[in-house]
């Protein structure tokens, strides 16, 4: 973050490509409590986050789409890993998360989606070349990102690994 603030491209080009591989290595060293599918999904998520970082660092419009697709795959992989963990909780999950609790918990997330789309839609519903075809992808991407946050929120905060992945 410091290199971004001071706009030091040398540090950015050295540190940013190393961040996700380092996080992946740290995760693998500490992933012994994760379920097999959960671990694989988290590995995919970190790998595609790394690829997305590399593609977006290029500052080329043609690679921007592929960078976003990489991050989309990463977010979907996170959602799957969180769902695997939720399914593993079984009876504890059913006691903790009633339908009404899940609906109440979803309110801030739905409000965030509404707010973001309210802010972004006027800028995306234009004839400006750079943004004219982005409304549907932005809506879908927003839903996936907020869906990832919501499934993460539903996990048991006391479970090992909650605060680290």
N, C-alpha and C. Protein backbone atom coordinates (compact mmCIF):
# COMPACT_ATOMS: atom_id res chain seq x y z
N UNK A 1 0.84 -1.17 0.00
CA UNK A 1 0.00 0.00 0.00
C UNK A 1 0.89 1.25 0.00
N UNK A 2 1.99 1.16 0.74
CA UNK A 2 2.89 2.30 0.79
C UNK A 2 3.41 2.65 -0.60
N UNK A 3 3.77 1.63 -1.37
CA UNK A 3 4.30 1.90 -2.72
C UNK A 3 3.24 2.52 -3.62
N UNK A 4 1.98 2.16 -3.41
CA UNK A 4 0.90 2.79 -4.18
C UNK A 4 0.73 4.25 -3.78
N UNK A 5 0.83 4.52 -2.48
CA UNK A 5 0.67 5.89 -2.00
C UNK A 5 1.77 6.80 -2.55
N UNK A 6 3.01 6.31 -2.50
CA UNK A 6 4.12 7.15 -2.98
C UNK A 6 4.36 6.98 -4.47
N UNK A 7 3.55 6.14 -5.12
CA UNK A 7 3.64 5.90 -6.57
C UNK A 7 5.04 5.44 -7.00
N UNK A 8 5.59 4.48 -6.25
CA UNK A 8 6.89 3.92 -6.57
C UNK A 8 6.69 2.63 -7.36
N UNK A 9 6.79 2.73 -8.69
CA UNK A 9 6.53 1.59 -9.57
C UNK A 9 7.51 0.45 -9.37
N UNK A 10 8.73 0.74 -9.00
CA UNK A 10 9.72 -0.32 -8.79
C UNK A 10 9.27 -1.23 -7.64
N UNK A 11 8.89 -0.61 -6.53
CA UNK A 11 8.42 -1.40 -5.39
C UNK A 11 7.14 -2.14 -5.74
N UNK A 12 6.23 -1.48 -6.43
CA UNK A 12 4.96 -2.12 -6.84
C UNK A 12 5.24 -3.35 -7.67
N UNK A 13 6.13 -3.26 -8.66
CA UNK A 13 6.41 -4.37 -9.56
C UNK A 13 7.19 -5.50 -8.89
N UNK A 14 7.80 -5.22 -7.76
CA UNK A 14 8.50 -6.27 -7.02
C UNK A 14 7.56 -6.92 -6.00
N UNK A 15 6.85 -6.10 -5.23
CA UNK A 15 6.08 -6.60 -4.10
C UNK A 15 4.73 -7.19 -4.52
N UNK A 16 4.00 -6.51 -5.38
CA UNK A 16 2.65 -6.95 -5.71
C UNK A 16 2.61 -8.37 -6.31
N UNK A 17 3.51 -8.71 -7.23
CA UNK A 17 3.47 -10.08 -7.76
C UNK A 17 3.85 -11.15 -6.73
N UNK A 18 4.48 -10.75 -5.64
CA UNK A 18 4.89 -11.71 -4.62
C UNK A 18 3.84 -11.92 -3.53
N UNK A 19 2.90 -10.99 -3.40
CA UNK A 19 1.95 -11.03 -2.29
C UNK A 19 1.12 -12.31 -2.27
N UNK A 20 0.44 -12.64 -3.34
CA UNK A 20 -0.44 -13.82 -3.34
C UNK A 20 0.34 -15.12 -3.23
N UNK A 21 1.47 -15.28 -3.91
CA UNK A 21 2.24 -16.52 -3.68
C UNK A 21 2.69 -16.69 -2.22
N UNK A 22 3.06 -15.58 -1.57
CA UNK A 22 3.44 -15.66 -0.16
C UNK A 22 2.23 -16.04 0.68
N UNK A 23 1.06 -15.42 0.41
CA UNK A 23 -0.15 -15.78 1.15
C UNK A 23 -0.53 -17.24 0.91
N UNK A 24 -0.37 -17.71 -0.32
CA UNK A 24 -0.67 -19.10 -0.64
C UNK A 24 0.27 -20.03 0.13
N UNK A 25 1.55 -19.71 0.17
CA UNK A 25 2.50 -20.54 0.92
C UNK A 25 2.15 -20.56 2.41
N UNK A 26 1.84 -19.40 2.97
CA UNK A 26 1.45 -19.34 4.38
C UNK A 26 0.17 -20.14 4.64
N UNK A 27 -0.77 -20.03 3.72
CA UNK A 27 -2.00 -20.80 3.86
C UNK A 27 -1.70 -22.30 3.86
N UNK A 28 -0.89 -22.75 2.90
CA UNK A 28 -0.59 -24.18 2.81
C UNK A 28 0.15 -24.69 4.05
N UNK A 29 0.97 -23.85 4.63
CA UNK A 29 1.68 -24.25 5.85
C UNK A 29 0.73 -24.38 7.05
N UNK A 30 -0.42 -23.71 6.96
CA UNK A 30 -1.36 -23.70 8.09
C UNK A 30 -2.71 -24.30 7.76
N UNK A 31 -2.83 -25.02 6.66
CA UNK A 31 -4.14 -25.49 6.18
C UNK A 31 -4.51 -26.88 6.68
N UNK A 32 -3.82 -27.37 7.68
CA UNK A 32 -4.07 -28.74 8.13
C UNK A 32 -5.47 -28.93 8.73
N UNK A 33 -6.13 -27.86 9.18
CA UNK A 33 -7.49 -27.98 9.73
C UNK A 33 -8.58 -27.78 8.68
N UNK A 34 -8.20 -27.42 7.47
CA UNK A 34 -9.19 -27.19 6.42
C UNK A 34 -9.60 -28.51 5.77
N UNK A 35 -10.85 -28.58 5.36
CA UNK A 35 -11.33 -29.73 4.62
C UNK A 35 -10.67 -29.76 3.25
N UNK A 36 -10.57 -30.93 2.64
CA UNK A 36 -9.85 -31.07 1.37
C UNK A 36 -10.41 -30.16 0.28
N UNK A 37 -11.72 -30.20 0.05
CA UNK A 37 -12.32 -29.36 -0.99
C UNK A 37 -12.19 -27.89 -0.63
N UNK A 38 -12.37 -27.58 0.63
CA UNK A 38 -12.22 -26.20 1.10
C UNK A 38 -10.80 -25.71 0.80
N UNK A 39 -9.81 -26.53 1.11
CA UNK A 39 -8.40 -26.18 0.87
C UNK A 39 -8.13 -25.96 -0.61
N UNK A 40 -8.64 -26.86 -1.45
CA UNK A 40 -8.43 -26.71 -2.90
C UNK A 40 -9.09 -25.44 -3.44
N UNK A 41 -10.29 -25.15 -2.96
CA UNK A 41 -10.98 -23.92 -3.41
C UNK A 41 -10.21 -22.67 -2.98
N UNK A 42 -9.69 -22.68 -1.77
CA UNK A 42 -8.91 -21.53 -1.31
C UNK A 42 -7.61 -21.39 -2.10
N UNK A 43 -7.01 -22.52 -2.48
CA UNK A 43 -5.80 -22.46 -3.32
C UNK A 43 -6.14 -21.87 -4.69
N UNK A 44 -7.26 -22.28 -5.25
CA UNK A 44 -7.71 -21.72 -6.54
C UNK A 44 -7.98 -20.23 -6.39
N UNK A 45 -8.64 -19.85 -5.31
CA UNK A 45 -8.96 -18.43 -5.09
C UNK A 45 -7.70 -17.58 -5.00
N UNK A 46 -6.72 -18.03 -4.24
CA UNK A 46 -5.48 -17.26 -4.11
C UNK A 46 -4.70 -17.23 -5.42
N UNK A 47 -4.72 -18.34 -6.16
CA UNK A 47 -4.02 -18.39 -7.45
C UNK A 47 -4.65 -17.44 -8.46
N UNK A 48 -5.98 -17.44 -8.55
CA UNK A 48 -6.64 -16.55 -9.51
C UNK A 48 -6.58 -15.08 -9.06
N UNK A 49 -6.50 -14.85 -7.75
CA UNK A 49 -6.29 -13.47 -7.28
C UNK A 49 -4.91 -12.98 -7.73
N UNK A 50 -3.93 -13.86 -7.65
CA UNK A 50 -2.57 -13.53 -8.10
C UNK A 50 -2.57 -13.23 -9.60
N UNK A 51 -3.24 -14.10 -10.38
CA UNK A 51 -3.32 -13.89 -11.82
C UNK A 51 -4.03 -12.57 -12.13
N UNK A 52 -5.11 -12.28 -11.42
CA UNK A 52 -5.83 -11.02 -11.61
C UNK A 52 -4.93 -9.82 -11.33
N UNK A 53 -4.16 -9.90 -10.23
CA UNK A 53 -3.21 -8.82 -9.93
C UNK A 53 -2.23 -8.62 -11.07
N UNK A 54 -1.66 -9.71 -11.57
CA UNK A 54 -0.69 -9.60 -12.66
C UNK A 54 -1.29 -8.99 -13.92
N UNK A 55 -2.50 -9.42 -14.24
CA UNK A 55 -3.15 -8.90 -15.45
C UNK A 55 -3.51 -7.42 -15.31
N UNK A 56 -4.00 -7.01 -14.13
CA UNK A 56 -4.38 -5.61 -13.95
C UNK A 56 -3.16 -4.70 -13.82
N UNK A 57 -2.03 -5.25 -13.45
CA UNK A 57 -0.81 -4.44 -13.36
C UNK A 57 -0.34 -3.98 -14.74
N UNK A 58 -0.78 -4.66 -15.77
CA UNK A 58 -0.32 -4.35 -17.13
C UNK A 58 -0.88 -3.04 -17.67
N UNK A 59 -1.97 -2.55 -17.09
CA UNK A 59 -2.61 -1.30 -17.53
C UNK A 59 -2.93 -1.32 -19.03
N UNK A 60 -3.41 -2.45 -19.48
CA UNK A 60 -3.82 -2.58 -20.88
C UNK A 60 -5.31 -2.91 -20.89
N UNK A 61 -6.07 -2.14 -21.65
CA UNK A 61 -7.52 -2.35 -21.68
C UNK A 61 -7.90 -3.76 -22.09
N UNK A 62 -7.12 -4.36 -23.00
CA UNK A 62 -7.46 -5.70 -23.46
C UNK A 62 -7.30 -6.75 -22.36
N UNK A 63 -6.43 -6.51 -21.39
CA UNK A 63 -6.21 -7.46 -20.31
C UNK A 63 -7.12 -7.21 -19.11
N UNK A 64 -7.76 -6.03 -19.06
CA UNK A 64 -8.62 -5.67 -17.94
C UNK A 64 -9.73 -6.70 -17.75
N UNK A 65 -10.39 -7.07 -18.82
CA UNK A 65 -11.48 -8.05 -18.77
C UNK A 65 -10.99 -9.37 -18.18
N UNK A 66 -9.82 -9.83 -18.61
CA UNK A 66 -9.28 -11.10 -18.12
C UNK A 66 -8.88 -11.01 -16.65
N UNK A 67 -8.42 -9.83 -16.23
CA UNK A 67 -8.13 -9.61 -14.83
C UNK A 67 -9.39 -9.71 -13.98
N UNK A 68 -10.45 -9.10 -14.46
CA UNK A 68 -11.72 -9.16 -13.73
C UNK A 68 -12.27 -10.59 -13.69
N UNK A 69 -12.14 -11.31 -14.80
CA UNK A 69 -12.60 -12.71 -14.82
C UNK A 69 -11.80 -13.54 -13.81
N UNK A 70 -10.49 -13.26 -13.73
CA UNK A 70 -9.67 -13.97 -12.74
C UNK A 70 -10.17 -13.71 -11.33
N UNK A 71 -10.46 -12.45 -11.02
CA UNK A 71 -10.98 -12.13 -9.69
C UNK A 71 -12.37 -12.73 -9.48
N UNK A 72 -13.19 -12.77 -10.52
CA UNK A 72 -14.51 -13.39 -10.41
C UNK A 72 -14.38 -14.86 -10.04
N UNK A 73 -13.47 -15.57 -10.72
CA UNK A 73 -13.22 -16.99 -10.41
C UNK A 73 -12.74 -17.12 -8.97
N UNK A 74 -11.87 -16.20 -8.54
CA UNK A 74 -11.37 -16.23 -7.16
C UNK A 74 -12.52 -16.07 -6.17
N UNK A 75 -13.40 -15.11 -6.42
CA UNK A 75 -14.52 -14.87 -5.50
C UNK A 75 -15.47 -16.06 -5.47
N UNK A 76 -15.74 -16.64 -6.60
CA UNK A 76 -16.61 -17.83 -6.64
C UNK A 76 -15.96 -18.99 -5.90
N UNK A 77 -14.65 -19.12 -6.02
CA UNK A 77 -13.92 -20.17 -5.29
C UNK A 77 -14.00 -19.94 -3.78
N UNK A 78 -13.90 -18.68 -3.37
CA UNK A 78 -14.07 -18.37 -1.94
C UNK A 78 -15.47 -18.76 -1.48
N UNK A 79 -16.48 -18.42 -2.27
CA UNK A 79 -17.86 -18.77 -1.90
C UNK A 79 -18.00 -20.28 -1.73
N UNK A 80 -17.46 -21.04 -2.66
CA UNK A 80 -17.56 -22.51 -2.58
C UNK A 80 -16.85 -23.01 -1.32
N UNK A 81 -15.66 -22.47 -1.04
CA UNK A 81 -14.94 -22.92 0.16
C UNK A 81 -15.72 -22.59 1.42
N UNK A 82 -16.35 -21.41 1.47
CA UNK A 82 -17.14 -21.04 2.64
C UNK A 82 -18.37 -21.94 2.77
N UNK A 83 -18.98 -22.28 1.62
CA UNK A 83 -20.15 -23.16 1.64
C UNK A 83 -19.76 -24.56 2.11
N UNK A 84 -18.60 -25.04 1.70
CA UNK A 84 -18.11 -26.35 2.16
C UNK A 84 -17.98 -26.34 3.68
N UNK A 85 -17.41 -25.28 4.20
CA UNK A 85 -17.25 -25.16 5.66
C UNK A 85 -18.61 -25.10 6.34
N UNK A 86 -19.54 -24.34 5.76
CA UNK A 86 -20.89 -24.25 6.33
C UNK A 86 -21.58 -25.62 6.35
N UNK A 87 -21.46 -26.36 5.26
CA UNK A 87 -22.09 -27.69 5.20
C UNK A 87 -21.47 -28.63 6.23
N UNK A 88 -20.21 -28.47 6.48
CA UNK A 88 -19.51 -29.32 7.44
C UNK A 88 -20.02 -29.08 8.87
N UNK A 89 -20.53 -27.89 9.15
CA UNK A 89 -21.03 -27.57 10.49
C UNK A 89 -22.29 -28.36 10.84
N UNK A 90 -23.09 -28.77 9.85
CA UNK A 90 -24.25 -29.62 10.07
C UNK A 90 -25.24 -29.09 11.08
N UNK A 91 -25.46 -29.88 12.16
CA UNK A 91 -26.46 -29.54 13.17
C UNK A 91 -26.17 -28.21 13.86
N UNK A 92 -24.90 -27.94 14.11
CA UNK A 92 -24.52 -26.67 14.74
C UNK A 92 -24.98 -25.50 13.88
N UNK A 93 -24.83 -25.63 12.58
CA UNK A 93 -25.26 -24.58 11.65
C UNK A 93 -26.77 -24.37 11.74
N UNK A 94 -27.53 -25.46 11.76
CA UNK A 94 -28.99 -25.34 11.83
C UNK A 94 -29.44 -24.68 13.14
N UNK A 95 -28.73 -24.94 14.23
CA UNK A 95 -29.07 -24.28 15.50
C UNK A 95 -28.73 -22.80 15.47
N UNK A 96 -27.61 -22.49 14.84
CA UNK A 96 -27.12 -21.10 14.83
C UNK A 96 -27.82 -20.24 13.79
N UNK A 97 -28.12 -20.81 12.63
CA UNK A 97 -28.66 -20.02 11.53
C UNK A 97 -30.07 -20.47 11.17
N UNK A 98 -31.03 -19.85 11.79
CA UNK A 98 -32.42 -20.09 11.39
C UNK A 98 -32.70 -19.25 10.15
N UNK A 99 -33.79 -19.53 9.49
CA UNK A 99 -34.15 -18.75 8.30
C UNK A 99 -34.29 -17.28 8.65
N UNK A 100 -34.94 -16.99 9.76
CA UNK A 100 -35.11 -15.58 10.13
C UNK A 100 -33.77 -14.93 10.44
N UNK A 101 -32.85 -15.66 11.08
CA UNK A 101 -31.52 -15.10 11.36
C UNK A 101 -30.77 -14.81 10.06
N UNK A 102 -30.90 -15.71 9.08
CA UNK A 102 -30.22 -15.49 7.80
C UNK A 102 -30.81 -14.31 7.05
N UNK A 103 -32.14 -14.15 7.11
CA UNK A 103 -32.79 -13.02 6.44
C UNK A 103 -32.35 -11.71 7.09
N UNK A 104 -32.36 -11.69 8.41
CA UNK A 104 -31.95 -10.47 9.12
C UNK A 104 -30.48 -10.16 8.81
N UNK A 105 -29.65 -11.19 8.79
CA UNK A 105 -28.22 -10.99 8.49
C UNK A 105 -28.00 -10.49 7.07
N UNK A 106 -28.90 -10.82 6.17
CA UNK A 106 -28.72 -10.42 4.76
C UNK A 106 -29.06 -8.95 4.51
N UNK A 107 -29.78 -8.32 5.41
CA UNK A 107 -30.24 -6.94 5.18
C UNK A 107 -29.09 -5.97 4.90
N UNK A 108 -28.03 -5.92 5.70
CA UNK A 108 -26.95 -4.98 5.37
C UNK A 108 -26.27 -5.29 4.03
N UNK A 109 -26.19 -6.57 3.69
CA UNK A 109 -25.56 -6.95 2.43
C UNK A 109 -26.42 -6.52 1.24
N UNK A 110 -27.73 -6.72 1.36
CA UNK A 110 -28.65 -6.28 0.30
C UNK A 110 -28.67 -4.75 0.20
N UNK A 111 -28.57 -4.09 1.34
CA UNK A 111 -28.51 -2.62 1.34
C UNK A 111 -27.25 -2.15 0.63
N UNK A 112 -26.15 -2.84 0.85
CA UNK A 112 -24.89 -2.47 0.19
C UNK A 112 -25.00 -2.63 -1.33
N UNK A 113 -25.58 -3.75 -1.77
CA UNK A 113 -25.78 -3.95 -3.21
C UNK A 113 -26.62 -2.81 -3.78
N UNK A 114 -27.72 -2.50 -3.11
CA UNK A 114 -28.61 -1.43 -3.57
C UNK A 114 -27.87 -0.10 -3.65
N UNK A 115 -27.11 0.23 -2.60
CA UNK A 115 -26.36 1.48 -2.56
C UNK A 115 -25.32 1.55 -3.68
N UNK A 116 -24.56 0.48 -3.86
CA UNK A 116 -23.53 0.46 -4.90
C UNK A 116 -24.14 0.62 -6.29
N UNK A 117 -25.22 -0.07 -6.54
CA UNK A 117 -25.85 0.02 -7.86
C UNK A 117 -26.49 1.40 -8.06
N UNK A 118 -26.99 1.99 -7.00
CA UNK A 118 -27.53 3.34 -7.08
C UNK A 118 -26.43 4.33 -7.48
N UNK A 119 -25.26 4.15 -6.89
CA UNK A 119 -24.12 5.03 -7.20
C UNK A 119 -23.57 4.77 -8.61
N UNK A 120 -23.45 3.49 -8.96
CA UNK A 120 -22.77 3.14 -10.21
C UNK A 120 -23.65 3.18 -11.46
N UNK A 121 -24.94 2.88 -11.32
CA UNK A 121 -25.77 2.75 -12.52
C UNK A 121 -25.86 4.01 -13.38
N UNK A 122 -25.92 5.21 -12.81
CA UNK A 122 -25.94 6.38 -13.71
C UNK A 122 -24.68 6.50 -14.55
N UNK A 123 -23.56 6.07 -14.00
CA UNK A 123 -22.30 6.15 -14.74
C UNK A 123 -22.17 5.03 -15.77
N UNK A 124 -22.92 3.95 -15.56
CA UNK A 124 -22.84 2.80 -16.47
C UNK A 124 -23.95 2.81 -17.51
N UNK A 125 -25.00 3.56 -17.28
CA UNK A 125 -26.10 3.67 -18.24
C UNK A 125 -25.89 4.87 -19.16
N UNK A 126 -24.75 4.94 -19.76
CA UNK A 126 -24.43 6.06 -20.65
C UNK A 126 -23.99 5.52 -22.00
N UNK A 127 -23.80 6.42 -22.93
CA UNK A 127 -23.29 6.04 -24.24
C UNK A 127 -21.78 6.22 -24.34
N UNK A 128 -21.13 6.45 -23.20
CA UNK A 128 -19.68 6.59 -23.20
C UNK A 128 -19.08 5.24 -23.54
N UNK A 129 -18.18 5.22 -24.48
CA UNK A 129 -17.61 3.98 -25.02
C UNK A 129 -17.04 3.05 -23.95
N UNK A 130 -16.32 3.62 -22.97
CA UNK A 130 -15.66 2.79 -21.97
C UNK A 130 -16.63 2.10 -21.01
N UNK A 131 -17.82 2.65 -20.82
CA UNK A 131 -18.72 2.11 -19.80
C UNK A 131 -20.05 1.62 -20.33
N UNK A 132 -20.33 1.78 -21.60
CA UNK A 132 -21.69 1.52 -22.08
C UNK A 132 -22.14 0.06 -21.95
N UNK A 133 -21.23 -0.89 -21.99
CA UNK A 133 -21.62 -2.30 -21.91
C UNK A 133 -21.28 -2.93 -20.55
N UNK A 134 -21.07 -2.11 -19.55
CA UNK A 134 -20.60 -2.64 -18.27
C UNK A 134 -21.69 -2.83 -17.21
N UNK A 135 -22.91 -2.37 -17.44
CA UNK A 135 -23.93 -2.44 -16.40
C UNK A 135 -24.18 -3.87 -15.93
N UNK A 136 -24.48 -4.79 -16.83
CA UNK A 136 -24.77 -6.17 -16.44
C UNK A 136 -23.56 -6.83 -15.78
N UNK A 137 -22.35 -6.72 -16.35
CA UNK A 137 -21.20 -7.32 -15.65
C UNK A 137 -20.96 -6.73 -14.26
N UNK A 138 -21.15 -5.43 -14.11
CA UNK A 138 -20.95 -4.80 -12.81
C UNK A 138 -22.00 -5.29 -11.81
N UNK A 139 -23.24 -5.42 -12.23
CA UNK A 139 -24.29 -5.92 -11.35
C UNK A 139 -23.95 -7.35 -10.90
N UNK A 140 -23.58 -8.20 -11.85
CA UNK A 140 -23.24 -9.59 -11.51
C UNK A 140 -22.03 -9.66 -10.60
N UNK A 141 -21.02 -8.87 -10.90
CA UNK A 141 -19.79 -8.86 -10.10
C UNK A 141 -20.08 -8.38 -8.68
N UNK A 142 -20.92 -7.35 -8.56
CA UNK A 142 -21.29 -6.83 -7.24
C UNK A 142 -22.02 -7.90 -6.44
N UNK A 143 -22.92 -8.61 -7.08
CA UNK A 143 -23.67 -9.67 -6.40
C UNK A 143 -22.73 -10.77 -5.93
N UNK A 144 -21.76 -11.15 -6.77
CA UNK A 144 -20.81 -12.21 -6.39
C UNK A 144 -19.93 -11.76 -5.22
N UNK A 145 -19.42 -10.54 -5.28
CA UNK A 145 -18.56 -10.05 -4.19
C UNK A 145 -19.34 -9.97 -2.88
N UNK A 146 -20.55 -9.45 -2.93
CA UNK A 146 -21.36 -9.35 -1.72
C UNK A 146 -21.80 -10.75 -1.27
N UNK A 147 -22.04 -11.64 -2.22
CA UNK A 147 -22.35 -13.04 -1.87
C UNK A 147 -21.18 -13.69 -1.14
N UNK A 148 -19.97 -13.38 -1.56
CA UNK A 148 -18.78 -13.89 -0.88
C UNK A 148 -18.72 -13.35 0.55
N UNK A 149 -18.96 -12.07 0.70
CA UNK A 149 -18.94 -11.47 2.04
C UNK A 149 -20.03 -12.09 2.93
N UNK A 150 -21.20 -12.31 2.36
CA UNK A 150 -22.31 -12.88 3.12
C UNK A 150 -22.01 -14.31 3.56
N UNK A 151 -21.52 -15.15 2.64
CA UNK A 151 -21.20 -16.53 3.02
C UNK A 151 -20.07 -16.57 4.05
N UNK A 152 -19.14 -15.64 3.94
CA UNK A 152 -18.08 -15.56 4.94
C UNK A 152 -18.67 -15.18 6.30
N UNK A 153 -19.58 -14.25 6.29
CA UNK A 153 -20.23 -13.80 7.52
C UNK A 153 -20.99 -14.95 8.21
N UNK A 154 -21.59 -15.83 7.43
CA UNK A 154 -22.39 -16.91 8.00
C UNK A 154 -21.55 -17.97 8.71
N UNK A 155 -20.26 -18.04 8.40
CA UNK A 155 -19.41 -19.06 9.01
C UNK A 155 -19.29 -18.83 10.52
N UNK A 156 -18.95 -19.90 11.22
CA UNK A 156 -18.78 -19.85 12.67
C UNK A 156 -17.49 -19.09 13.00
N UNK A 157 -17.63 -17.98 13.67
CA UNK A 157 -16.47 -17.14 13.98
C UNK A 157 -15.51 -17.79 14.97
N UNK A 158 -16.00 -18.79 15.70
CA UNK A 158 -15.14 -19.46 16.68
C UNK A 158 -14.34 -20.61 16.07
N UNK A 159 -14.69 -20.99 14.85
CA UNK A 159 -14.00 -22.12 14.21
C UNK A 159 -12.57 -21.73 13.85
N UNK A 160 -11.68 -22.71 13.93
CA UNK A 160 -10.30 -22.41 13.55
C UNK A 160 -10.25 -22.04 12.08
N UNK A 161 -9.46 -21.07 11.75
CA UNK A 161 -9.33 -20.63 10.37
C UNK A 161 -10.29 -19.54 9.96
N UNK A 162 -11.27 -19.20 10.83
CA UNK A 162 -12.22 -18.17 10.42
C UNK A 162 -11.52 -16.85 10.12
N UNK A 163 -10.61 -16.46 10.96
CA UNK A 163 -9.95 -15.18 10.81
C UNK A 163 -8.80 -15.23 9.83
N UNK A 164 -8.46 -16.43 9.32
CA UNK A 164 -7.32 -16.53 8.40
C UNK A 164 -7.66 -17.17 7.07
N UNK A 165 -8.92 -17.51 6.81
CA UNK A 165 -9.22 -18.05 5.49
C UNK A 165 -10.23 -19.10 5.46
